[in-house]
Amino acid sequence: MAFLSKYVDKRLSAYQRELIDIHYREVDTMYRKMRGWRHDYRNHIGVMKTLVRSGNIKELEEYLDMLESDLNTVDTVIKTGNPMADAILNSKLTLAAEKHVPVKTSVQIPVRLSIPELDLCVILGNLLDNAIEASQSIPESERMVRVYMDIKETRLYLSVTNLCAGKKMKKTDGRFVSGKGEGHGFGLIRIDGIVERYGGYVTRNSEDGAFTTEILLPLD
């Protein structure tokens, strides 16, 4: 048992480091795109002024449409005021858009949270990665992920739902398991461990063509 416990702890630590690296790369890529767009801002203005002076209104409209489409790929959609939450959520929204998974969000959280940023990163990152990956197994027209975060009295409430076209996740020993195969599922273990550590609650429900995870964490 001691050997098994050490093995699991080692795998969890490796998984945590890998997850942080992935999130860092995603956030870094997003902000690099934003900085690049801002760097080209003056050039875009110059082109549009030239088109206006020459009276090429149609070309100007086409250029504006192109800029709008380009900007939509780098704009930060969620602005809660909490830097880590914004970084994680927006990087995952960018990832979801690349994989053609629509995401609806409603997020209202304090600028500062008592939960460490690392733990927030693990929870949000895993929940959204799982929802996005699960969504890719169904037709694009049926995909949808919903993210809801708010303060319920003295607790942080988080809910992530993804449509799954009537498919129900499997359970083992009363717990939902990852559908990624043997060796996966450490994300679920990490989430449960963090929630338990802070005296919170986590529930998962798979029915009516959707899979939902709900989490409550004390703010103090």
C-alpha atoms as a PDB file:
ATOM      1  CA  MET A   1       0.000   0.000   0.000  1.00  0.00           C
ATOM      2  CA  ALA A   2       2.844   2.397   0.837  1.00  0.00           C
ATOM      3  CA  PHE A   3       4.457   1.692  -2.528  1.00  0.00           C
ATOM      4  CA  LEU A   4       1.150   2.241  -4.347  1.00  0.00           C
ATOM      5  CA  SER A   5       0.577   5.506  -2.466  1.00  0.00           C
ATOM      6  CA  LYS A   6       4.052   6.772  -3.410  1.00  0.00           C
ATOM      7  CA  TYR A   7       3.463   5.760  -7.027  1.00  0.00           C
ATOM      8  CA  VAL A   8       0.166   7.649  -7.183  1.00  0.00           C
ATOM      9  CA  ASP A   9       1.711  10.717  -5.500  1.00  0.00           C
ATOM     10  CA  LYS A  10       4.557  10.658  -8.012  1.00  0.00           C
ATOM     11  CA  ARG A  11       2.164  10.403 -10.960  1.00  0.00           C
ATOM     12  CA  LEU A  12       0.004  13.206  -9.559  1.00  0.00           C
ATOM     13  CA  SER A  13       3.014  15.472  -9.091  1.00  0.00           C
ATOM     14  CA  ALA A  14       4.163  14.788 -12.651  1.00  0.00           C
ATOM     15  CA  TYR A  15       0.652  15.420 -13.921  1.00  0.00           C
ATOM     16  CA  GLN A  16       0.476  18.707 -11.998  1.00  0.00           C
ATOM     17  CA  ARG A  17       3.765  19.929 -13.481  1.00  0.00           C
ATOM     18  CA  GLU A  18       2.610  18.949 -16.973  1.00  0.00           C
ATOM     19  CA  LEU A  19      -0.701  20.749 -16.473  1.00  0.00           C
ATOM     20  CA  ILE A  20       0.981  23.950 -15.320  1.00  0.00           C
ATOM     21  CA  ASP A  21       3.335  23.835 -18.312  1.00  0.00           C
ATOM     22  CA  ILE A  22       0.391  23.409 -20.685  1.00  0.00           C
ATOM     23  CA  HIS A  23      -1.538  26.283 -19.145  1.00  0.00           C
ATOM     24  CA  TYR A  24       1.533  28.502 -19.209  1.00  0.00           C
ATOM     25  CA  ARG A  25       2.050  27.835 -22.928  1.00  0.00           C
ATOM     26  CA  GLU A  26      -1.620  28.490 -23.696  1.00  0.00           C
ATOM     27  CA  VAL A  27      -1.663  31.790 -21.806  1.00  0.00           C
ATOM     28  CA  ASP A  28       1.694  32.834 -23.268  1.00  0.00           C
ATOM     29  CA  THR A  29       0.437  32.119 -26.796  1.00  0.00           C
ATOM     30  CA  MET A  30      -2.704  34.151 -26.196  1.00  0.00           C
ATOM     31  CA  TYR A  31      -0.816  37.184 -24.922  1.00  0.00           C
ATOM     32  CA  ARG A  32       1.765  36.933 -27.708  1.00  0.00           C
ATOM     33  CA  LYS A  33      -1.084  37.181 -30.213  1.00  0.00           C
ATOM     34  CA  MET A  34      -2.477  40.211 -28.386  1.00  0.00           C
ATOM     35  CA  ARG A  35       0.901  41.953 -28.304  1.00  0.00           C
ATOM     36  CA  GLY A  36       1.405  41.206 -31.995  1.00  0.00           C
ATOM     37  CA  TRP A  37      -1.962  42.689 -32.908  1.00  0.00           C
ATOM     38  CA  ARG A  38      -1.259  45.826 -30.879  1.00  0.00           C
ATOM     39  CA  HIS A  39       2.163  46.143 -32.498  1.00  0.00           C
ATOM     40  CA  ASP A  40       0.522  46.176 -35.936  1.00  0.00           C
ATOM     41  CA  TYR A  41      -2.153  48.676 -34.852  1.00  0.00           C
ATOM     42  CA  ARG A  42      -0.464  51.712 -36.442  1.00  0.00           C
ATOM     43  CA  ASN A  43       0.040  49.851 -39.694  1.00  0.00           C
ATOM     44  CA  HIS A  44      -3.654  48.946 -39.803  1.00  0.00           C
ATOM     45  CA  ILE A  45      -4.617  52.564 -39.169  1.00  0.00           C
ATOM     46  CA  GLY A  46      -2.328  53.685 -41.975  1.00  0.00           C
ATOM     47  CA  VAL A  47      -3.861  51.253 -44.448  1.00  0.00           C
ATOM     48  CA  MET A  48      -7.403  52.336 -43.551  1.00  0.00           C
ATOM     49  CA  LYS A  49      -6.543  56.037 -43.883  1.00  0.00           C
ATOM     50  CA  THR A  50      -5.114  55.368 -47.338  1.00  0.00           C
ATOM     51  CA  LEU A  51      -8.267  53.515 -48.379  1.00  0.00           C
ATOM     52  CA  VAL A  52     -10.445  56.393 -47.115  1.00  0.00           C
ATOM     53  CA  ARG A  53      -8.416  59.023 -48.966  1.00  0.00           C
ATOM     54  CA  SER A  54      -8.605  57.035 -52.181  1.00  0.00           C
ATOM     55  CA  GLY A  55     -12.352  56.468 -51.803  1.00  0.00           C
ATOM     56  CA  ASN A  56     -12.080  52.660 -51.800  1.00  0.00           C
ATOM     57  CA  ILE A  57     -14.980  52.156 -49.398  1.00  0.00           C
ATOM     58  CA  LYS A  58     -15.641  48.559 -50.440  1.00  0.00           C
ATOM     59  CA  GLU A  59     -12.015  47.592 -49.843  1.00  0.00           C
ATOM     60  CA  LEU A  60     -12.128  49.432 -46.520  1.00  0.00           C
ATOM     61  CA  GLU A  61     -15.173  47.418 -45.430  1.00  0.00           C
ATOM     62  CA  GLU A  62     -13.452  44.176 -46.436  1.00  0.00           C
ATOM     63  CA  TYR A  63     -10.328  45.205 -44.523  1.00  0.00           C
ATOM     64  CA  LEU A  64     -12.382  46.032 -41.418  1.00  0.00           C
ATOM     65  CA  ASP A  65     -14.129  42.657 -41.631  1.00  0.00           C
ATOM     66  CA  MET A  66     -10.733  40.958 -41.819  1.00  0.00           C
ATOM     67  CA  LEU A  67      -9.460  42.882 -38.781  1.00  0.00           C
ATOM     68  CA  GLU A  68     -12.601  42.080 -36.804  1.00  0.00           C
ATOM     69  CA  SER A  69     -12.209  38.377 -37.529  1.00  0.00           C
ATOM     70  CA  ASP A  70      -8.536  38.499 -36.567  1.00  0.00           C
ATOM     71  CA  LEU A  71      -9.224  40.423 -33.374  1.00  0.00           C
ATOM     72  CA  ASN A  72     -11.878  37.919 -32.302  1.00  0.00           C
ATOM     73  CA  THR A  73      -9.156  35.266 -32.118  1.00  0.00           C
ATOM     74  CA  VAL A  74      -7.117  37.189 -29.542  1.00  0.00           C
ATOM     75  CA  ASP A  75      -9.620  39.308 -27.610  1.00  0.00           C
ATOM     76  CA  THR A  76     -10.006  38.457 -23.919  1.00  0.00           C
ATOM     77  CA  VAL A  77     -13.672  37.582 -23.640  1.00  0.00           C
ATOM     78  CA  ILE A  78     -13.796  37.163 -19.866  1.00  0.00           C
ATOM     79  CA  LYS A  79     -12.656  40.007 -17.618  1.00  0.00           C
ATOM     80  CA  THR A  80     -13.380  39.158 -13.987  1.00  0.00           C
ATOM     81  CA  GLY A  81     -10.577  41.259 -12.558  1.00  0.00           C
ATOM     82  CA  ASN A  82      -8.940  38.140 -11.113  1.00  0.00           C
ATOM     83  CA  PRO A  83      -5.730  37.773 -13.202  1.00  0.00           C
ATOM     84  CA  MET A  84      -5.286  34.006 -12.878  1.00  0.00           C
ATOM     85  CA  ALA A  85      -8.960  33.223 -13.504  1.00  0.00           C
ATOM     86  CA  ASP A  86      -8.958  35.518 -16.548  1.00  0.00           C
ATOM     87  CA  ALA A  87      -5.801  33.937 -17.934  1.00  0.00           C
ATOM     88  CA  ILE A  88      -7.009  30.351 -17.537  1.00  0.00           C
ATOM     89  CA  LEU A  89     -10.561  30.949 -18.739  1.00  0.00           C
ATOM     90  CA  ASN A  90      -9.560  32.993 -21.780  1.00  0.00           C
ATOM     91  CA  SER A  91      -6.825  30.582 -22.814  1.00  0.00           C
ATOM     92  CA  LYS A  92      -9.335  27.730 -22.647  1.00  0.00           C
ATOM     93  CA  LEU A  93     -11.920  29.731 -24.613  1.00  0.00           C
ATOM     94  CA  THR A  94      -9.303  30.268 -27.299  1.00  0.00           C
ATOM     95  CA  LEU A  95      -8.557  26.535 -27.298  1.00  0.00           C
ATOM     96  CA  ALA A  96     -12.284  25.711 -27.501  1.00  0.00           C
ATOM     97  CA  ALA A  97     -12.752  28.062 -30.458  1.00  0.00           C
ATOM     98  CA  GLU A  98      -9.883  26.375 -32.308  1.00  0.00           C
ATOM     99  CA  LYS A  99     -11.606  23.018 -31.768  1.00  0.00           C
ATOM    100  CA  HIS A 100     -15.025  24.395 -32.789  1.00  0.00           C
ATOM    101  CA  VAL A 101     -16.598  24.043 -29.358  1.00  0.00           C
ATOM    102  CA  PRO A 102     -18.945  26.947 -28.429  1.00  0.00           C
ATOM    103  CA  VAL A 103     -18.620  28.097 -24.811  1.00  0.00           C
ATOM    104  CA  LYS A 104     -21.168  30.161 -22.869  1.00  0.00           C
ATOM    105  CA  THR A 105     -19.890  31.862 -19.734  1.00  0.00           C
ATOM    106  CA  SER A 106     -21.273  33.723 -16.744  1.00  0.00           C
ATOM    107  CA  VAL A 107     -18.466  34.521 -14.310  1.00  0.00           C
ATOM    108  CA  GLN A 108     -18.661  36.816 -11.279  1.00  0.00           C
ATOM    109  CA  ILE A 109     -15.845  36.355  -8.777  1.00  0.00           C
ATOM    110  CA  PRO A 110     -13.779  38.567  -6.447  1.00  0.00           C
ATOM    111  CA  VAL A 111     -10.570  40.169  -7.634  1.00  0.00           C
ATOM    112  CA  ARG A 112      -8.764  38.139  -4.966  1.00  0.00           C
ATOM    113  CA  LEU A 113      -9.597  34.623  -3.853  1.00  0.00           C
ATOM    114  CA  SER A 114      -8.404  32.743  -0.800  1.00  0.00           C
ATOM    115  CA  ILE A 115      -7.689  29.610  -2.863  1.00  0.00           C
ATOM    116  CA  PRO A 116      -4.086  29.579  -4.173  1.00  0.00           C
ATOM    117  CA  GLU A 117      -3.661  30.292  -7.877  1.00  0.00           C
ATOM    118  CA  LEU A 118      -2.076  26.900  -8.474  1.00  0.00           C
ATOM    119  CA  ASP A 119      -5.144  25.074  -7.149  1.00  0.00           C
ATOM    120  CA  LEU A 120      -7.489  27.338  -9.108  1.00  0.00           C
ATOM    121  CA  CYS A 121      -5.435  26.563 -12.204  1.00  0.00           C
ATOM    122  CA  VAL A 122      -5.754  22.807 -11.620  1.00  0.00           C
ATOM    123  CA  ILE A 123      -9.523  22.936 -11.067  1.00  0.00           C
ATOM    124  CA  LEU A 124     -10.479  25.230 -13.945  1.00  0.00           C
ATOM    125  CA  GLY A 125      -7.959  23.768 -16.350  1.00  0.00           C
ATOM    126  CA  ASN A 126      -9.048  20.187 -15.796  1.00  0.00           C
ATOM    127  CA  LEU A 127     -12.766  20.921 -15.911  1.00  0.00           C
ATOM    128  CA  LEU A 128     -12.527  22.842 -19.173  1.00  0.00           C
ATOM    129  CA  ASP A 129     -10.057  20.437 -20.788  1.00  0.00           C
ATOM    130  CA  ASN A 130     -12.395  17.531 -20.018  1.00  0.00           C
ATOM    131  CA  ALA A 131     -15.460  19.402 -21.292  1.00  0.00           C
ATOM    132  CA  ILE A 132     -13.742  20.474 -24.513  1.00  0.00           C
ATOM    133  CA  GLU A 133     -12.350  17.004 -25.187  1.00  0.00           C
ATOM    134  CA  ALA A 134     -15.703  15.333 -24.494  1.00  0.00           C
ATOM    135  CA  SER A 135     -17.428  17.776 -26.849  1.00  0.00           C
ATOM    136  CA  GLN A 136     -15.238  16.710 -29.746  1.00  0.00           C
ATOM    137  CA  SER A 137     -16.802  13.253 -29.711  1.00  0.00           C
ATOM    138  CA  ILE A 138     -20.167  14.637 -30.881  1.00  0.00           C
ATOM    139  CA  PRO A 139     -21.177  16.555 -34.047  1.00  0.00           C
ATOM    140  CA  GLU A 140     -20.271  20.273 -34.118  1.00  0.00           C
ATOM    141  CA  SER A 141     -23.933  21.281 -34.302  1.00  0.00           C
ATOM    142  CA  GLU A 142     -24.595  19.585 -30.935  1.00  0.00           C
ATOM    143  CA  ARG A 143     -21.577  20.933 -29.035  1.00  0.00           C
ATOM    144  CA  MET A 144     -21.922  23.348 -26.140  1.00  0.00           C
ATOM    145  CA  VAL A 145     -19.983  24.025 -22.936  1.00  0.00           C
ATOM    146  CA  ARG A 146     -21.376  26.226 -20.167  1.00  0.00           C
ATOM    147  CA  VAL A 147     -19.236  27.783 -17.440  1.00  0.00           C
ATOM    148  CA  TYR A 148     -20.796  29.471 -14.413  1.00  0.00           C
ATOM    149  CA  MET A 149     -18.928  30.996 -11.465  1.00  0.00           C
ATOM    150  CA  ASP A 150     -20.423  33.132  -8.707  1.00  0.00           C
ATOM    151  CA  ILE A 151     -20.341  33.774  -4.989  1.00  0.00           C
ATOM    152  CA  LYS A 152     -22.985  31.954  -2.955  1.00  0.00           C
ATOM    153  CA  GLU A 153     -22.971  33.588   0.485  1.00  0.00           C
ATOM    154  CA  THR A 154     -19.483  32.714   1.776  1.00  0.00           C
ATOM    155  CA  ARG A 155     -18.593  30.130  -0.852  1.00  0.00           C
ATOM    156  CA  LEU A 156     -17.313  30.115  -4.420  1.00  0.00           C
ATOM    157  CA  TYR A 157     -19.661  28.195  -6.712  1.00  0.00           C
ATOM    158  CA  LEU A 158     -18.358  26.744  -9.973  1.00  0.00           C
ATOM    159  CA  SER A 159     -20.303  24.764 -12.549  1.00  0.00           C
ATOM    160  CA  VAL A 160     -19.096  23.367 -15.883  1.00  0.00           C
ATOM    161  CA  THR A 161     -21.475  21.534 -18.231  1.00  0.00           C
ATOM    162  CA  ASN A 162     -20.855  19.919 -21.592  1.00  0.00           C
ATOM    163  CA  LEU A 163     -23.388  18.307 -23.897  1.00  0.00           C
ATOM    164  CA  CYS A 164     -22.787  14.653 -24.637  1.00  0.00           C
ATOM    165  CA  ALA A 165     -25.604  13.633 -26.997  1.00  0.00           C
ATOM    166  CA  GLY A 166     -27.330  11.338 -24.509  1.00  0.00           C
ATOM    167  CA  LYS A 167     -24.179   9.420 -23.599  1.00  0.00           C
ATOM    168  CA  LYS A 168     -23.655   8.742 -19.906  1.00  0.00           C
ATOM    169  CA  MET A 169     -20.224   8.551 -18.342  1.00  0.00           C
ATOM    170  CA  LYS A 170     -19.268   5.257 -16.768  1.00  0.00           C
ATOM    171  CA  LYS A 171     -18.875   4.779 -13.028  1.00  0.00           C
ATOM    172  CA  THR A 172     -16.490   2.561 -11.120  1.00  0.00           C
ATOM    173  CA  ASP A 173     -17.082   2.004  -7.414  1.00  0.00           C
ATOM    174  CA  GLY A 174     -19.682   4.775  -7.468  1.00  0.00           C
ATOM    175  CA  ARG A 175     -17.336   7.342  -9.037  1.00  0.00           C
ATOM    176  CA  PHE A 176     -17.230   8.688 -12.588  1.00  0.00           C
ATOM    177  CA  VAL A 177     -14.064   7.675 -14.446  1.00  0.00           C
ATOM    178  CA  SER A 178     -12.205   9.188 -17.351  1.00  0.00           C
ATOM    179  CA  GLY A 179     -13.054   7.926 -20.801  1.00  0.00           C
ATOM    180  CA  LYS A 180      -9.476   8.489 -22.004  1.00  0.00           C
ATOM    181  CA  GLY A 181      -8.305   5.015 -21.104  1.00  0.00           C
ATOM    182  CA  GLU A 182      -5.966   3.472 -18.558  1.00  0.00           C
ATOM    183  CA  GLY A 183      -3.401   5.849 -17.112  1.00  0.00           C
ATOM    184  CA  HIS A 184      -5.677   8.881 -17.386  1.00  0.00           C
ATOM    185  CA  GLY A 185      -8.124  10.392 -14.926  1.00  0.00           C
ATOM    186  CA  PHE A 186      -5.561  12.095 -12.694  1.00  0.00           C
ATOM    187  CA  GLY A 187      -7.352  15.384 -13.350  1.00  0.00           C
ATOM    188  CA  LEU A 188     -10.449  14.125 -11.575  1.00  0.00           C
ATOM    189  CA  ILE A 189      -8.337  12.894  -8.666  1.00  0.00           C
ATOM    190  CA  ARG A 190      -6.578  16.255  -8.400  1.00  0.00           C
ATOM    191  CA  ILE A 191      -9.884  18.147  -8.376  1.00  0.00           C
ATOM    192  CA  ASP A 192     -11.352  15.927  -5.690  1.00  0.00           C
ATOM    193  CA  GLY A 193      -8.218  16.232  -3.575  1.00  0.00           C
ATOM    194  CA  ILE A 194      -8.185  20.034  -3.732  1.00  0.00           C
ATOM    195  CA  VAL A 195     -11.883  20.350  -2.938  1.00  0.00           C
ATOM    196  CA  GLU A 196     -11.535  17.980   0.018  1.00  0.00           C
ATOM    197  CA  ARG A 197      -8.492  19.863   1.307  1.00  0.00           C
ATOM    198  CA  TYR A 198     -10.464  23.113   1.575  1.00  0.00           C
ATOM    199  CA  GLY A 199     -13.564  21.498   3.038  1.00  0.00           C
ATOM    200  CA  GLY A 200     -15.603  22.011  -0.099  1.00  0.00           C
ATOM    201  CA  TYR A 201     -18.043  19.887  -2.067  1.00  0.00           C
ATOM    202  CA  VAL A 202     -17.980  18.424  -5.560  1.00  0.00           C
ATOM    203  CA  THR A 203     -20.844  16.704  -7.365  1.00  0.00           C
ATOM    204  CA  ARG A 204     -21.003  15.220 -10.840  1.00  0.00           C
ATOM    205  CA  ASN A 205     -24.128  14.390 -12.785  1.00  0.00           C
ATOM    206  CA  SER A 206     -24.533  12.653 -16.142  1.00  0.00           C
ATOM    207  CA  GLU A 207     -28.062  12.714 -17.517  1.00  0.00           C
ATOM    208  CA  ASP A 208     -30.384  14.350 -20.061  1.00  0.00           C
ATOM    209  CA  GLY A 209     -27.605  14.492 -22.642  1.00  0.00           C
ATOM    210  CA  ALA A 210     -25.259  16.561 -20.491  1.00  0.00           C
ATOM    211  CA  PHE A 211     -22.451  16.078 -17.992  1.00  0.00           C
ATOM    212  CA  THR A 212     -22.160  18.612 -15.176  1.00  0.00           C
ATOM    213  CA  THR A 213     -19.599  19.159 -12.444  1.00  0.00           C
ATOM    214  CA  GLU A 214     -20.509  21.476  -9.570  1.00  0.00           C
ATOM    215  CA  ILE A 215     -18.032  22.667  -6.940  1.00  0.00           C
ATOM    216  CA  LEU A 216     -18.453  24.708  -3.758  1.00  0.00           C
ATOM    217  CA  LEU A 217     -15.364  26.119  -2.033  1.00  0.00           C
ATOM    218  CA  PRO A 218     -15.266  28.190   1.166  1.00  0.00           C
ATOM    219  CA  LEU A 219     -13.906  31.691   0.564  1.00  0.00           C
ATOM    220  CA  ASP A 220     -12.192  31.898   3.953  1.00  0.00           C
END
